Amino acid sequence: MPIRRHHRWLYPIDWRELSVSIRFRRAKGRCEGCGRPHGRLVLHLGDGRWWDEDSERWRDGAGKSVRRLRPPHSLLERMRTTRVVLATCHRDHDPTNNNASNLVALCQRCHMLHDRPEHLRRRRLTYLARRALGDLFTGPYRL
């Protein structure tokens, strides 16, 4: 996920090298949330379950193997493929905290699930700011 221009100054100069180190040296090219491999097309069902070609088994959203699945005809209708791209993200959502223990390599799905509370928080702040701005210019003493 690209870094926004106004947040770029929060990241260290060597962020690209640090990110590569976390994604490919420490995580060995796999998502640390679910285990999906970087750069591959992965067959998935849309609910977190995905086909792991290396071990030839279905895995859930946490990377654990799934024992039972529904009959094949119901699965075939919902199967999709996605190219997995790993990104390095901050566990605490603070881009200035670049300790190795705070950084994690996640695929797109796990990254969005991890960032969901932060996205909701920012959305709420944006909504409140727009509402306050509207109150400022459309209040009862409008000229």
C-alpha atoms as a PDB file:
ATOM      1  CA  MET A   1       0.000   0.000   0.000  1.00  0.00           C
ATOM      2  CA  PRO A   2       1.577   3.286  -1.029  1.00  0.00           C
ATOM      3  CA  ILE A   3       2.398   5.836   1.619  1.00  0.00           C
ATOM      4  CA  ARG A   4       0.367   9.039   1.385  1.00  0.00           C
ATOM      5  CA  ARG A   5       2.366  12.123   0.498  1.00  0.00           C
ATOM      6  CA  HIS A   6       1.508  13.964   3.721  1.00  0.00           C
ATOM      7  CA  HIS A   7       2.517  10.933   5.873  1.00  0.00           C
ATOM      8  CA  ARG A   8       5.808  10.252   4.057  1.00  0.00           C
ATOM      9  CA  TRP A   9       7.884  12.347   6.462  1.00  0.00           C
ATOM     10  CA  LEU A  10       6.846  10.042   9.352  1.00  0.00           C
ATOM     11  CA  TYR A  11       8.691   7.063   7.801  1.00  0.00           C
ATOM     12  CA  PRO A  12      12.469   6.572   7.975  1.00  0.00           C
ATOM     13  CA  ILE A  13      14.645   7.141   4.907  1.00  0.00           C
ATOM     14  CA  ASP A  14      15.425   3.407   4.679  1.00  0.00           C
ATOM     15  CA  TRP A  15      11.742   2.320   4.887  1.00  0.00           C
ATOM     16  CA  ARG A  16      11.932   0.392   1.599  1.00  0.00           C
ATOM     17  CA  GLU A  17      14.869  -1.719   2.809  1.00  0.00           C
ATOM     18  CA  LEU A  18      13.260  -2.221   6.224  1.00  0.00           C
ATOM     19  CA  SER A  19      10.023  -3.364   4.569  1.00  0.00           C
ATOM     20  CA  VAL A  20      11.854  -5.838   2.320  1.00  0.00           C
ATOM     21  CA  SER A  21      13.685  -7.203   5.347  1.00  0.00           C
ATOM     22  CA  ILE A  22      10.434  -7.810   7.260  1.00  0.00           C
ATOM     23  CA  ARG A  23       8.515  -9.273   4.297  1.00  0.00           C
ATOM     24  CA  PHE A  24      11.160 -11.520   2.775  1.00  0.00           C
ATOM     25  CA  ARG A  25      13.792 -12.260   5.419  1.00  0.00           C
ATOM     26  CA  ARG A  26      11.732 -12.561   8.568  1.00  0.00           C
ATOM     27  CA  ALA A  27       8.380 -13.676   7.064  1.00  0.00           C
ATOM     28  CA  LYS A  28      10.056 -15.607   4.214  1.00  0.00           C
ATOM     29  CA  GLY A  29       7.609 -14.233   1.629  1.00  0.00           C
ATOM     30  CA  ARG A  30       4.444 -15.364   3.442  1.00  0.00           C
ATOM     31  CA  CYS A  31       1.743 -13.427   5.234  1.00  0.00           C
ATOM     32  CA  GLU A  32       2.284 -13.552   8.993  1.00  0.00           C
ATOM     33  CA  GLY A  33      -1.482 -13.509   9.516  1.00  0.00           C
ATOM     34  CA  CYS A  34      -2.727 -16.296   7.252  1.00  0.00           C
ATOM     35  CA  GLY A  35       0.346 -17.733   5.519  1.00  0.00           C
ATOM     36  CA  ARG A  36      -0.505 -16.792   1.912  1.00  0.00           C
ATOM     37  CA  PRO A  37       2.583 -16.675  -0.345  1.00  0.00           C
ATOM     38  CA  HIS A  38       3.670 -13.381  -1.913  1.00  0.00           C
ATOM     39  CA  GLY A  39       3.271 -12.952  -5.669  1.00  0.00           C
ATOM     40  CA  ARG A  40       1.162 -16.047  -6.311  1.00  0.00           C
ATOM     41  CA  LEU A  41      -2.367 -16.401  -7.588  1.00  0.00           C
ATOM     42  CA  VAL A  42      -4.344 -17.954  -4.741  1.00  0.00           C
ATOM     43  CA  LEU A  43      -7.680 -19.698  -5.104  1.00  0.00           C
ATOM     44  CA  HIS A  44     -10.056 -18.532  -2.357  1.00  0.00           C
ATOM     45  CA  LEU A  45     -13.706 -18.571  -1.364  1.00  0.00           C
ATOM     46  CA  GLY A  46     -14.091 -14.925  -0.317  1.00  0.00           C
ATOM     47  CA  ASP A  47     -14.691 -15.731   3.355  1.00  0.00           C
ATOM     48  CA  GLY A  48     -11.027 -16.218   4.274  1.00  0.00           C
ATOM     49  CA  ARG A  49     -10.646 -19.847   3.204  1.00  0.00           C
ATOM     50  CA  TRP A  50      -7.972 -20.378   0.558  1.00  0.00           C
ATOM     51  CA  TRP A  51      -6.189 -23.236  -1.235  1.00  0.00           C
ATOM     52  CA  ASP A  52      -2.556 -23.764  -0.219  1.00  0.00           C
ATOM     53  CA  GLU A  53      -0.798 -25.370  -3.186  1.00  0.00           C
ATOM     54  CA  ASP A  54       2.371 -26.169  -1.233  1.00  0.00           C
ATOM     55  CA  SER A  55       0.628 -28.384   1.316  1.00  0.00           C
ATOM     56  CA  GLU A  56      -2.339 -29.225  -0.954  1.00  0.00           C
ATOM     57  CA  ARG A  57      -5.036 -28.337   1.567  1.00  0.00           C
ATOM     58  CA  TRP A  58      -7.593 -25.655   2.324  1.00  0.00           C
ATOM     59  CA  ARG A  59      -6.711 -23.117   4.999  1.00  0.00           C
ATOM     60  CA  ASP A  60      -8.873 -20.664   6.917  1.00  0.00           C
ATOM     61  CA  GLY A  61      -8.260 -16.931   7.414  1.00  0.00           C
ATOM     62  CA  ALA A  62      -5.793 -17.651  10.232  1.00  0.00           C
ATOM     63  CA  GLY A  63      -3.755 -20.124   8.163  1.00  0.00           C
ATOM     64  CA  LYS A  64      -5.002 -23.247   9.956  1.00  0.00           C
ATOM     65  CA  SER A  65      -5.978 -26.205   7.812  1.00  0.00           C
ATOM     66  CA  VAL A  66      -9.698 -26.735   7.231  1.00  0.00           C
ATOM     67  CA  ARG A  67     -10.904 -30.291   7.688  1.00  0.00           C
ATOM     68  CA  ARG A  68     -14.363 -30.233   6.173  1.00  0.00           C
ATOM     69  CA  LEU A  69     -15.776 -28.205   3.354  1.00  0.00           C
ATOM     70  CA  ARG A  70     -19.216 -28.148   1.810  1.00  0.00           C
ATOM     71  CA  PRO A  71     -19.917 -30.271  -1.286  1.00  0.00           C
ATOM     72  CA  PRO A  72     -17.764 -29.277  -4.275  1.00  0.00           C
ATOM     73  CA  HIS A  73     -20.645 -27.889  -6.397  1.00  0.00           C
ATOM     74  CA  SER A  74     -21.372 -25.119  -3.868  1.00  0.00           C
ATOM     75  CA  LEU A  75     -17.666 -24.226  -3.660  1.00  0.00           C
ATOM     76  CA  LEU A  76     -17.084 -23.995  -7.392  1.00  0.00           C
ATOM     77  CA  GLU A  77     -19.661 -21.208  -7.729  1.00  0.00           C
ATOM     78  CA  ARG A  78     -17.851 -19.013  -5.195  1.00  0.00           C
ATOM     79  CA  MET A  79     -14.190 -19.652  -6.074  1.00  0.00           C
ATOM     80  CA  ARG A  80     -12.061 -16.660  -7.040  1.00  0.00           C
ATOM     81  CA  THR A  81      -8.387 -16.018  -7.558  1.00  0.00           C
ATOM     82  CA  THR A  82      -6.342 -13.189  -6.101  1.00  0.00           C
ATOM     83  CA  ARG A  83      -2.709 -12.257  -6.571  1.00  0.00           C
ATOM     84  CA  VAL A  84      -1.182 -11.945  -3.112  1.00  0.00           C
ATOM     85  CA  VAL A  85       0.923  -8.870  -2.385  1.00  0.00           C
ATOM     86  CA  LEU A  86       2.626  -8.534   0.986  1.00  0.00           C
ATOM     87  CA  ALA A  87       2.922  -5.200   2.739  1.00  0.00           C
ATOM     88  CA  THR A  88       4.659  -4.238   5.944  1.00  0.00           C
ATOM     89  CA  CYS A  89       2.327  -2.650   8.456  1.00  0.00           C
ATOM     90  CA  HIS A  90       2.595  -1.247  11.963  1.00  0.00           C
ATOM     91  CA  ARG A  91       0.800  -3.196  14.683  1.00  0.00           C
ATOM     92  CA  ASP A  92       0.053  -0.016  16.650  1.00  0.00           C
ATOM     93  CA  HIS A  93      -0.724   2.146  13.538  1.00  0.00           C
ATOM     94  CA  ASP A  94       2.110   4.528  14.490  1.00  0.00           C
ATOM     95  CA  PRO A  95       4.425   5.042  11.479  1.00  0.00           C
ATOM     96  CA  THR A  96       7.150   6.485  13.705  1.00  0.00           C
ATOM     97  CA  ASN A  97       7.452   3.254  15.744  1.00  0.00           C
ATOM     98  CA  ASN A  98       9.651   1.085  13.499  1.00  0.00           C
ATOM     99  CA  ASN A  99      10.802  -1.551  15.973  1.00  0.00           C
ATOM    100  CA  ALA A 100      10.931  -5.004  14.404  1.00  0.00           C
ATOM    101  CA  SER A 101       8.427  -6.260  16.981  1.00  0.00           C
ATOM    102  CA  ASN A 102       5.947  -3.578  15.867  1.00  0.00           C
ATOM    103  CA  LEU A 103       6.214  -4.415  12.142  1.00  0.00           C
ATOM    104  CA  VAL A 104       4.377  -7.319  10.530  1.00  0.00           C
ATOM    105  CA  ALA A 105       4.149  -8.627   6.943  1.00  0.00           C
ATOM    106  CA  LEU A 106       0.505  -8.982   5.897  1.00  0.00           C
ATOM    107  CA  CYS A 107      -1.373  -9.778   2.692  1.00  0.00           C
ATOM    108  CA  GLN A 108      -4.109  -7.436   1.421  1.00  0.00           C
ATOM    109  CA  ARG A 109      -6.906  -9.239   3.281  1.00  0.00           C
ATOM    110  CA  CYS A 110      -5.119  -9.421   6.633  1.00  0.00           C
ATOM    111  CA  HIS A 111      -3.901  -5.825   6.270  1.00  0.00           C
ATOM    112  CA  MET A 112      -7.453  -4.532   5.718  1.00  0.00           C
ATOM    113  CA  LEU A 113      -8.753  -6.569   8.671  1.00  0.00           C
ATOM    114  CA  HIS A 114      -5.929  -5.250  10.850  1.00  0.00           C
ATOM    115  CA  ASP A 115      -6.537  -1.621   9.799  1.00  0.00           C
ATOM    116  CA  ARG A 116     -10.344  -1.743  10.020  1.00  0.00           C
ATOM    117  CA  PRO A 117     -10.632  -0.195  13.523  1.00  0.00           C
ATOM    118  CA  GLU A 118      -8.216   2.587  12.534  1.00  0.00           C
ATOM    119  CA  HIS A 119     -10.117   3.259   9.294  1.00  0.00           C
ATOM    120  CA  LEU A 120     -13.394   3.465  11.228  1.00  0.00           C
ATOM    121  CA  ARG A 121     -11.808   5.855  13.745  1.00  0.00           C
ATOM    122  CA  ARG A 122     -10.496   8.125  10.979  1.00  0.00           C
ATOM    123  CA  ARG A 123     -13.845   7.995   9.169  1.00  0.00           C
ATOM    124  CA  ARG A 124     -15.611   9.119  12.344  1.00  0.00           C
ATOM    125  CA  LEU A 125     -13.174  12.005  12.844  1.00  0.00           C
ATOM    126  CA  THR A 126     -13.656  13.108   9.229  1.00  0.00           C
ATOM    127  CA  TYR A 127     -17.421  12.962   9.634  1.00  0.00           C
ATOM    128  CA  LEU A 128     -17.314  15.004  12.849  1.00  0.00           C
ATOM    129  CA  ALA A 129     -14.968  17.583  11.299  1.00  0.00           C
ATOM    130  CA  ARG A 130     -17.235  18.028   8.277  1.00  0.00           C
ATOM    131  CA  ARG A 131     -20.259  18.314  10.526  1.00  0.00           C
ATOM    132  CA  ALA A 132     -18.543  20.961  12.678  1.00  0.00           C
ATOM    133  CA  LEU A 133     -17.504  22.888   9.583  1.00  0.00           C
ATOM    134  CA  GLY A 134     -21.077  22.750   8.304  1.00  0.00           C
ATOM    135  CA  ASP A 135     -22.373  24.059  11.637  1.00  0.00           C
ATOM    136  CA  LEU A 136     -19.884  26.904  11.464  1.00  0.00           C
ATOM    137  CA  PHE A 137     -21.078  28.186   8.089  1.00  0.00           C
ATOM    138  CA  THR A 138     -24.784  27.244   8.194  1.00  0.00           C
ATOM    139  CA  GLY A 139     -25.626  28.227  11.753  1.00  0.00           C
ATOM    140  CA  PRO A 140     -28.571  30.416  12.839  1.00  0.00           C
ATOM    141  CA  TYR A 141     -26.657  33.723  12.282  1.00  0.00           C
ATOM    142  CA  ARG A 142     -26.094  33.255   8.583  1.00  0.00           C
ATOM    143  CA  LEU A 143     -25.888  36.454   6.503  1.00  0.00           C
END
